Amino acid sequence: MQSRNGLRIWRDGRIATLDARQPGLGLIERGAVVAQDRTILWVGEAADLPASLVARADDMTDLGGRLVTPGLIDCHTHLVFGADRAVEWGMRLKGASYEAIAQAGGGIVSTVAATRAASEAKLTALALPRLDSLLADGVTTVEIKSGYGLNLADELKMLRVARSLAHHRSVRVRTTLLAAHTLPPELKSNRARYIQSIVDEIIPAAAEVGPDGPLADAVDAFCETIAFTPDETRQVFTAARAHGLPVKLHADQLGDSGGAALAAAFNALSADHLEHASEEGLGAMAAAGTVAVLLPGAYYVLRETVRPPIDAMRRAGVAMAVASDCNPGTSPVASLRMALHLACTLFDLTPTEALIGATRQAARALGLQAQLGQIRQDFICDLAIWDAEQPEALIYWLGRHPACGRVVGGEPAK
């Protein structure tokens, strides 16, 4: 329930502010956070908490030394889809090829068919348990892509469902149009026609401003030899920019297709995967301010052997975010904390880099760096309050997690 004057105080916690102006995690050992309505008014040592704010507060929470971080941000998911592909996963474990799985009716085409057949109510009901798993990990903002509709009606259906999840749970949802995910079965032999439909129909409809803004906050594409070419991607991105939508890119996952440099050329918010990105591409990303989103869940599930060039990213000064990539085919990972653990164990990120990647840098990957991802004055008050003292504990555990309370927009989440 909203406090009477909208002013709340959380005090006596170990505050990992993730403030970009501070080194590391920006820890305040015995800290306090003050918020009015949805905005942080003050953060600092609890001993320095202004008496005037204490006098005005009608809600004060004693954190008892618990760890507080910004609410976690999962900046790359495919959370809305019609059916999982567990059987396909089992086939792959037995050595079945992608082609054999596709011939048996599996692969992304099966997800497309199930998603097209499902109503909005059904897709919502299927997505909510997946979302709940992320929220239990302290997530307060989640990005959700389309990409399993592959036509105007079903892509918009997916975006509407993704938007609606914020009405069912205390969470901030950002939507991304991924119509350029793969070719729809009915246009498999007519690539040009499908690209034209994305440019002329789907992007304009997703960008159209309604009562709650446009259905899509950004446009994504899958630029790989098995998906769309750089030239096709440029057509999609040019249309997105013409309609005022920023872009993101699935890039250089399976080979160096020049995706990192292509993303940078369009000042993309992020380029994601990047296992095969070149040093030149990473340099272009750093110059453009494009975030590298690491997706260790897909790397793990697909048993990849080429890791993203983390050292080269560090040398180039590329910002690194980490996300779950929750999807039915290549990353059935409904835990951002698990993704952070995998990023540390498989990609050699430090725990500090991983936490920054799921807060401050994830906010940048969504274009929200001035509002989210830091516990800082004038930022939105999204918090995760953990039954833990050490930041490493949030990443260390597998199969359990420290109990977590969430605050979304200054209000405790139920």
Protein backbone atom coordinates (compact mmCIF):
# COMPACT_ATOMS: atom_id res chain seq x y z
CA MET A 1 0.00 0.00 0.00
CA GLN A 2 1.29 3.47 -0.85
CA SER A 3 2.58 5.38 2.16
CA ARG A 4 0.57 8.47 3.10
CA ASN A 5 3.02 11.03 1.78
CA GLY A 6 4.94 8.66 -0.49
CA LEU A 7 8.12 8.82 1.60
CA ARG A 8 9.78 5.57 2.64
CA ILE A 9 13.09 4.81 4.36
CA TRP A 10 15.13 1.61 4.37
CA ARG A 11 17.95 1.77 6.90
CA ASP A 12 20.78 -0.22 8.47
CA GLY A 13 21.53 -2.34 5.42
CA ARG A 14 24.68 -3.10 3.47
CA ILE A 15 23.95 -1.03 0.37
CA ALA A 16 25.65 -2.03 -2.88
CA THR A 17 24.76 1.13 -4.76
CA LEU A 18 26.42 0.18 -8.08
CA ASP A 19 26.90 3.95 -8.41
CA ALA A 20 29.04 4.49 -11.51
CA ARG A 21 30.87 7.32 -9.74
CA GLN A 22 32.14 4.91 -7.07
CA PRO A 23 34.65 2.05 -7.39
CA GLY A 24 33.48 -1.54 -7.54
CA LEU A 25 30.01 -2.10 -6.15
CA GLY A 26 29.88 1.25 -4.37
CA LEU A 27 29.28 -0.41 -0.99
CA ILE A 28 27.94 1.51 1.99
CA GLU A 29 28.45 -0.72 5.01
CA ARG A 30 25.63 0.67 7.18
CA GLY A 31 23.50 2.60 4.79
CA ALA A 32 20.05 3.99 4.22
CA VAL A 33 17.89 4.71 1.20
CA VAL A 34 15.10 7.28 1.13
CA ALA A 35 12.50 7.34 -1.63
CA GLN A 36 9.49 9.51 -2.29
CA ASP A 37 6.93 7.99 -4.59
CA ARG A 38 9.09 6.23 -7.19
CA THR A 39 12.30 8.28 -6.93
CA ILE A 40 15.34 7.99 -4.66
CA LEU A 41 15.72 11.19 -2.63
CA TRP A 42 18.77 10.29 -0.59
CA VAL A 43 21.28 7.47 -0.10
CA GLY A 44 24.20 7.37 2.30
CA GLU A 45 25.45 6.29 5.70
CA ALA A 46 22.58 5.59 8.09
CA ALA A 47 24.33 7.72 10.71
CA ASP A 48 24.05 10.71 8.36
CA LEU A 49 20.35 10.25 7.60
CA PRO A 50 18.80 13.75 7.80
CA ALA A 51 16.42 14.13 10.74
CA SER A 52 14.05 16.10 8.53
CA LEU A 53 13.55 13.05 6.30
CA VAL A 54 13.05 10.76 9.29
CA ALA A 55 10.41 13.12 10.64
CA ARG A 56 8.51 13.12 7.33
CA ALA A 57 8.60 9.38 6.74
CA ASP A 58 5.55 7.34 7.56
CA ASP A 59 7.19 4.03 6.63
CA MET A 60 10.63 2.92 7.84
CA THR A 61 12.13 -0.52 7.32
CA ASP A 62 15.02 -1.81 9.45
CA LEU A 63 17.11 -3.97 7.13
CA GLY A 64 19.00 -5.66 9.95
CA GLY A 65 22.28 -5.65 8.06
CA ARG A 66 20.84 -7.31 4.95
CA LEU A 67 22.42 -6.71 1.57
CA VAL A 68 20.62 -4.32 -0.78
CA THR A 69 21.33 -4.04 -4.50
CA PRO A 70 19.55 -2.28 -7.32
CA GLY A 71 16.74 -4.44 -8.65
CA LEU A 72 18.27 -6.85 -11.13
CA ILE A 73 17.61 -6.29 -14.84
CA ASP A 74 17.27 -9.17 -17.29
CA CYS A 75 17.97 -7.36 -20.55
CA HIS A 76 17.55 -10.27 -23.02
CA THR A 77 14.70 -12.81 -22.82
CA HIS A 78 12.26 -14.59 -25.11
CA LEU A 79 9.82 -15.14 -22.26
CA VAL A 80 6.60 -15.35 -24.32
CA PHE A 81 6.18 -18.53 -26.36
CA GLY A 82 3.67 -21.28 -26.93
CA ALA A 83 5.43 -24.51 -25.96
CA ASP A 84 8.79 -25.71 -24.71
CA ARG A 85 11.17 -27.98 -26.63
CA ALA A 86 12.21 -30.43 -23.92
CA VAL A 87 11.81 -33.41 -26.25
CA GLU A 88 14.05 -31.73 -28.81
CA TRP A 89 16.66 -31.15 -26.11
CA GLY A 90 16.60 -34.86 -25.32
CA MET A 91 17.07 -35.67 -29.00
CA ARG A 92 20.04 -33.33 -29.18
CA LEU A 93 21.64 -35.03 -26.18
CA LYS A 94 21.42 -38.33 -28.08
CA GLY A 95 23.27 -36.80 -31.02
CA ALA A 96 20.44 -35.73 -33.32
CA SER A 97 21.43 -32.99 -35.75
CA TYR A 98 19.58 -29.73 -36.21
CA GLU A 99 18.35 -31.00 -39.58
CA ALA A 100 17.06 -34.26 -38.10
CA ILE A 101 15.22 -32.39 -35.37
CA ALA A 102 13.68 -30.05 -37.92
CA GLN A 103 12.57 -32.99 -40.08
CA ALA A 104 10.90 -34.48 -37.00
CA GLY A 105 8.88 -31.30 -36.60
CA GLY A 106 11.14 -29.67 -34.02
CA GLY A 107 13.24 -26.56 -34.07
CA ILE A 108 12.04 -22.99 -34.04
CA VAL A 109 9.24 -23.83 -36.48
CA SER A 110 7.54 -25.88 -33.76
CA THR A 111 7.65 -22.90 -31.38
CA VAL A 112 6.26 -20.66 -34.10
CA ALA A 113 3.36 -23.05 -34.71
CA ALA A 114 2.55 -23.32 -30.99
CA THR A 115 2.77 -19.56 -30.48
CA ARG A 116 0.58 -18.78 -33.45
CA ALA A 117 -2.03 -21.28 -32.23
CA ALA A 118 -2.14 -19.91 -28.68
CA SER A 119 -4.49 -17.14 -27.58
CA GLU A 120 -3.20 -14.09 -25.74
CA ALA A 121 -4.69 -15.47 -22.52
CA LYS A 122 -2.88 -18.80 -23.03
CA LEU A 123 0.44 -17.11 -23.79
CA THR A 124 0.05 -14.97 -20.69
CA ALA A 125 -0.69 -18.00 -18.52
CA LEU A 126 2.38 -19.79 -19.89
CA ALA A 127 4.69 -16.79 -19.46
CA LEU A 128 3.77 -15.90 -15.88
CA PRO A 129 5.49 -18.88 -14.17
CA ARG A 130 8.66 -18.15 -16.12
CA LEU A 131 8.44 -14.51 -15.09
CA ASP A 132 7.86 -15.53 -11.46
CA SER A 133 11.13 -17.48 -11.51
CA LEU A 134 12.98 -14.36 -12.63
CA LEU A 135 11.27 -12.20 -10.01
CA ALA A 136 12.32 -14.65 -7.27
CA ASP A 137 15.88 -13.85 -8.33
CA GLY A 138 15.43 -10.16 -7.56
CA VAL A 139 14.56 -9.04 -11.09
CA THR A 140 12.57 -5.80 -11.25
CA THR A 141 12.96 -5.06 -14.99
CA VAL A 142 12.77 -7.58 -17.82
CA GLU A 143 13.14 -7.23 -21.57
CA ILE A 144 10.90 -9.54 -23.63
CA LYS A 145 11.30 -10.16 -27.36
CA SER A 146 8.79 -11.27 -29.95
CA GLY A 147 10.07 -13.46 -32.80
CA TYR A 148 7.88 -16.57 -32.69
CA GLY A 149 4.98 -15.03 -34.60
CA LEU A 150 6.75 -14.09 -37.84
CA ASN A 151 3.72 -12.31 -39.29
CA LEU A 152 2.00 -9.04 -38.49
CA ALA A 153 -0.85 -10.40 -36.35
CA ASP A 154 1.20 -12.81 -34.26
CA GLU A 155 4.20 -10.55 -33.71
CA LEU A 156 1.88 -7.85 -32.38
CA LYS A 157 0.08 -10.48 -30.29
CA MET A 158 3.35 -11.42 -28.63
CA LEU A 159 4.19 -7.79 -27.91
CA ARG A 160 0.76 -7.20 -26.37
CA VAL A 161 1.18 -10.23 -24.12
CA ALA A 162 4.64 -9.08 -23.05
CA ARG A 163 3.31 -5.62 -22.21
CA SER A 164 0.40 -7.12 -20.26
CA LEU A 165 2.66 -9.02 -17.86
CA ALA A 166 3.36 -5.75 -16.02
CA HIS A 167 -0.34 -5.63 -15.14
CA HIS A 168 -0.12 -9.07 -13.51
CA ARG A 169 3.12 -8.64 -11.56
CA SER A 170 5.17 -5.86 -9.99
CA VAL A 171 7.76 -5.62 -12.73
CA ARG A 172 8.89 -3.21 -15.41
CA VAL A 173 8.66 -4.68 -18.92
CA ARG A 174 10.54 -3.50 -22.00
CA THR A 175 9.49 -5.00 -25.32
CA THR A 176 11.60 -5.71 -28.39
CA LEU A 177 10.32 -6.58 -31.86
CA LEU A 178 12.29 -9.54 -33.23
CA ALA A 179 10.35 -10.26 -36.40
CA ALA A 180 13.74 -10.76 -38.11
CA HIS A 181 14.36 -13.92 -36.07
CA THR A 182 13.98 -16.51 -38.82
CA LEU A 183 11.98 -16.96 -42.01
CA PRO A 184 8.33 -17.96 -41.56
CA PRO A 185 7.56 -21.40 -43.05
CA GLU A 186 5.16 -19.94 -45.60
CA LEU A 187 7.84 -17.56 -46.96
CA LYS A 188 10.90 -19.78 -46.68
CA SER A 189 11.52 -19.47 -50.41
CA ASN A 190 10.80 -15.74 -50.58
CA ARG A 191 13.21 -13.93 -48.28
CA ALA A 192 12.78 -10.57 -49.96
CA ARG A 193 9.02 -10.61 -49.46
CA TYR A 194 9.34 -11.31 -45.74
CA ILE A 195 11.93 -8.58 -45.22
CA GLN A 196 9.64 -6.19 -47.07
CA SER A 197 6.74 -7.13 -44.82
CA ILE A 198 8.88 -6.41 -41.74
CA VAL A 199 9.89 -3.03 -43.15
CA ASP A 200 6.52 -1.97 -44.58
CA GLU A 201 4.03 -3.53 -42.15
CA ILE A 202 5.37 -5.00 -38.93
CA ILE A 203 7.77 -2.26 -37.81
CA PRO A 204 5.32 0.59 -38.52
CA ALA A 205 2.56 -1.21 -36.60
CA ALA A 206 4.84 -1.98 -33.63
CA ALA A 207 6.04 1.64 -33.58
CA GLU A 208 2.56 3.14 -33.70
CA VAL A 209 1.91 5.10 -30.53
CA GLY A 210 -1.16 4.06 -28.56
CA PRO A 211 -2.46 5.07 -25.11
CA ASP A 212 0.53 3.38 -23.43
CA GLY A 213 3.10 4.30 -26.08
CA PRO A 214 4.32 2.05 -28.90
CA LEU A 215 4.05 -1.72 -28.58
CA ALA A 216 7.81 -2.07 -29.12
CA ASP A 217 10.58 -0.20 -27.33
CA ALA A 218 13.27 -1.46 -29.73
CA VAL A 219 13.88 -3.64 -32.80
CA ASP A 220 16.19 -6.66 -32.86
CA ALA A 221 17.44 -8.99 -35.59
CA PHE A 222 19.31 -12.30 -35.82
CA CYS A 223 22.27 -11.72 -38.14
CA GLU A 224 23.85 -15.10 -38.88
CA THR A 225 24.34 -17.46 -41.82
CA ILE A 226 21.33 -19.49 -40.61
CA ALA A 227 19.16 -16.39 -40.24
CA PHE A 228 19.50 -12.96 -41.91
CA THR A 229 22.35 -11.41 -43.85
CA PRO A 230 24.02 -8.11 -42.97
CA ASP A 231 22.27 -6.44 -45.93
CA GLU A 232 18.86 -7.72 -44.80
CA THR A 233 19.62 -6.59 -41.26
CA ARG A 234 20.50 -3.11 -42.52
CA GLN A 235 17.11 -2.86 -44.21
CA VAL A 236 15.36 -3.78 -40.95
CA PHE A 237 17.46 -1.38 -38.89
CA THR A 238 17.01 1.48 -41.34
CA ALA A 239 13.24 1.06 -41.07
CA ALA A 240 13.43 0.86 -37.27
CA ARG A 241 15.40 4.07 -37.03
CA ALA A 242 13.03 5.78 -39.47
CA HIS A 243 10.18 4.99 -37.06
CA GLY A 244 12.09 6.25 -34.03
CA LEU A 245 12.97 2.85 -32.54
CA PRO A 246 16.48 2.00 -31.30
CA VAL A 247 18.01 -1.30 -32.35
CA LYS A 248 19.68 -4.35 -30.81
CA LEU A 249 21.35 -7.29 -32.55
CA HIS A 250 21.90 -11.03 -32.09
CA ALA A 251 25.46 -10.89 -33.39
CA ASP A 252 28.47 -13.11 -34.08
CA GLN A 253 27.17 -16.10 -32.12
CA LEU A 254 28.02 -18.80 -34.66
CA GLY A 255 30.70 -17.03 -36.67
CA ASP A 256 32.13 -13.59 -37.35
CA SER A 257 29.54 -12.09 -39.68
CA GLY A 258 30.57 -8.54 -38.85
CA GLY A 259 27.59 -8.20 -36.54
CA ALA A 260 29.41 -6.26 -33.84
CA ALA A 261 30.51 -3.57 -36.29
CA LEU A 262 27.07 -3.54 -37.93
CA ALA A 263 25.41 -2.96 -34.57
CA ALA A 264 27.84 -0.15 -33.81
CA ALA A 265 27.17 1.48 -37.19
CA PHE A 266 23.53 1.88 -36.15
CA ASN A 267 24.44 3.00 -32.60
CA ALA A 268 22.67 -0.11 -31.32
CA LEU A 269 21.79 -0.29 -27.66
CA SER A 270 23.43 -3.71 -27.54
CA ALA A 271 24.95 -6.55 -29.49
CA ASP A 272 24.23 -9.92 -27.89
CA HIS A 273 26.08 -13.29 -27.82
CA LEU A 274 29.34 -12.19 -29.58
CA GLU A 275 31.26 -15.44 -29.20
CA HIS A 276 33.04 -14.78 -32.53
CA ALA A 277 33.22 -10.98 -32.47
CA SER A 278 36.43 -9.48 -33.87
CA GLU A 279 38.63 -6.95 -32.11
CA GLU A 280 37.72 -4.43 -34.81
CA GLY A 281 34.02 -5.00 -34.16
CA LEU A 282 34.51 -4.64 -30.41
CA GLY A 283 36.41 -1.39 -30.94
CA ALA A 284 33.52 -0.07 -33.00
CA MET A 285 31.09 -1.08 -30.25
CA ALA A 286 33.15 0.72 -27.62
CA ALA A 287 33.24 3.89 -29.72
CA ALA A 288 29.48 3.73 -30.30
CA GLY A 289 28.63 2.96 -26.67
CA THR A 290 27.00 -0.33 -27.69
CA VAL A 291 26.73 -2.79 -24.79
CA ALA A 292 27.89 -6.40 -25.14
CA VAL A 293 25.20 -8.66 -23.67
CA LEU A 294 26.69 -11.99 -22.62
CA LEU A 295 24.36 -15.01 -22.74
CA PRO A 296 26.12 -17.91 -21.03
CA GLY A 297 22.95 -20.00 -20.81
CA ALA A 298 22.89 -20.52 -24.58
CA TYR A 299 26.65 -21.18 -24.62
CA TYR A 300 26.15 -23.87 -21.95
CA VAL A 301 23.08 -25.56 -23.42
CA LEU A 302 24.49 -25.63 -26.95
CA ARG A 303 27.84 -26.96 -25.64
CA GLU A 304 29.72 -24.25 -27.48
CA THR A 305 33.50 -24.28 -27.33
CA VAL A 306 34.36 -20.72 -28.39
CA ARG A 307 33.85 -18.25 -25.56
CA PRO A 308 33.08 -14.57 -26.05
CA PRO A 309 36.38 -12.64 -26.18
CA ILE A 310 36.07 -11.21 -22.67
CA ASP A 311 39.68 -10.01 -22.41
CA ALA A 312 39.35 -8.20 -25.74
CA MET A 313 36.14 -6.58 -24.48
CA ARG A 314 37.95 -5.40 -21.37
CA ARG A 315 40.83 -4.01 -23.41
CA ALA A 316 38.46 -2.19 -25.74
CA GLY A 317 36.42 -0.79 -22.87
CA VAL A 318 33.18 -2.43 -24.01
CA ALA A 319 30.44 -2.41 -21.36
CA MET A 320 29.38 -5.99 -20.54
CA ALA A 321 25.88 -6.96 -19.44
CA VAL A 322 24.66 -10.45 -18.55
CA ALA A 323 21.18 -11.85 -19.27
CA SER A 324 19.33 -15.16 -19.06
CA ASP A 325 18.29 -15.43 -22.74
CA CYS A 326 15.34 -17.45 -21.41
CA ASN A 327 13.93 -19.24 -24.46
CA PRO A 328 12.56 -22.69 -25.33
CA GLY A 329 15.25 -23.84 -27.74
CA THR A 330 18.76 -22.80 -26.72
CA SER A 331 18.58 -21.34 -23.21
CA PRO A 332 15.82 -22.80 -21.01
CA VAL A 333 17.22 -20.71 -18.15
CA ALA A 334 14.58 -18.97 -16.03
CA SER A 335 17.12 -17.63 -13.54
CA LEU A 336 19.22 -14.52 -13.96
CA ARG A 337 21.31 -15.55 -10.96
CA MET A 338 22.12 -18.81 -12.74
CA ALA A 339 23.23 -16.80 -15.77
CA LEU A 340 25.49 -14.72 -13.53
CA HIS A 341 26.99 -17.89 -12.04
CA LEU A 342 27.62 -19.29 -15.53
CA ALA A 343 29.16 -15.99 -16.66
CA CYS A 344 31.65 -16.24 -13.80
CA THR A 345 32.44 -19.95 -14.11
CA LEU A 346 32.42 -20.25 -17.91
CA PHE A 347 33.41 -16.76 -19.09
CA ASP A 348 35.70 -15.78 -16.17
CA LEU A 349 33.80 -12.66 -15.20
CA THR A 350 34.44 -11.52 -11.66
CA PRO A 351 31.41 -11.45 -9.33
CA THR A 352 31.65 -7.66 -9.36
CA GLU A 353 31.59 -7.57 -13.17
CA ALA A 354 28.63 -9.94 -13.20
CA LEU A 355 26.58 -7.86 -10.74
CA ILE A 356 27.39 -4.67 -12.61
CA GLY A 357 26.35 -6.54 -15.76
CA ALA A 358 22.91 -7.37 -14.34
CA THR A 359 22.26 -3.86 -13.04
CA ARG A 360 24.08 -0.80 -14.38
CA GLN A 361 25.16 -2.23 -17.73
CA ALA A 362 21.88 -4.08 -18.28
CA ALA A 363 20.12 -0.74 -17.85
CA ARG A 364 22.38 0.71 -20.56
CA ALA A 365 21.51 -2.20 -22.84
CA LEU A 366 17.87 -1.09 -22.59
CA GLY A 367 18.55 2.64 -22.89
CA LEU A 368 17.55 3.15 -19.24
CA GLN A 369 20.94 4.05 -17.77
CA ALA A 370 19.72 7.44 -16.51
CA GLN A 371 16.86 5.85 -14.54
CA LEU A 372 17.74 2.33 -13.42
CA GLY A 373 20.58 0.06 -12.36
CA GLN A 374 22.01 2.24 -9.57
CA ILE A 375 20.92 3.19 -6.08
CA ARG A 376 21.49 6.86 -6.58
CA GLN A 377 19.65 10.14 -6.02
CA ASP A 378 17.04 10.90 -8.69
CA PHE A 379 17.05 7.32 -10.00
CA ILE A 380 13.92 5.16 -9.85
CA CYS A 381 13.78 3.28 -6.55
CA ASP A 382 14.01 -0.34 -7.66
CA LEU A 383 15.70 -2.45 -4.99
CA ALA A 384 16.45 -6.08 -4.24
CA ILE A 385 16.83 -6.82 -0.51
CA TRP A 386 18.69 -10.05 0.17
CA ASP A 387 18.96 -12.31 3.19
CA ALA A 388 22.71 -12.18 2.75
CA GLU A 389 25.63 -9.95 3.61
CA GLN A 390 28.14 -10.71 0.85
CA PRO A 391 27.43 -9.81 -2.80
CA GLU A 392 29.19 -12.99 -3.93
CA ALA A 393 26.50 -15.08 -2.18
CA LEU A 394 23.96 -13.94 -4.76
CA ILE A 395 25.96 -15.67 -7.50
CA TYR A 396 27.63 -18.48 -5.55
CA TRP A 397 24.60 -20.65 -4.79
CA LEU A 398 23.05 -23.07 -7.27
CA GLY A 399 19.64 -24.58 -6.57
CA ARG A 400 18.81 -22.10 -3.84
CA HIS A 401 19.02 -18.39 -3.38
CA PRO A 402 19.02 -15.96 -0.49
CA ALA A 403 15.48 -14.86 0.30
CA CYS A 404 14.82 -11.68 -1.59
CA GLY A 405 12.38 -8.83 -1.16
CA ARG A 406 11.83 -6.51 -4.09
CA VAL A 407 10.94 -2.83 -4.27
CA VAL A 408 9.59 -1.60 -7.60
CA GLY A 409 9.14 2.10 -8.16
CA GLY A 410 9.43 2.83 -4.45
CA GLU A 411 6.78 0.31 -3.42
CA PRO A 412 7.44 -3.13 -1.84
CA ALA A 413 6.44 -5.79 -4.35
CA LYS A 414 3.95 -8.41 -3.27
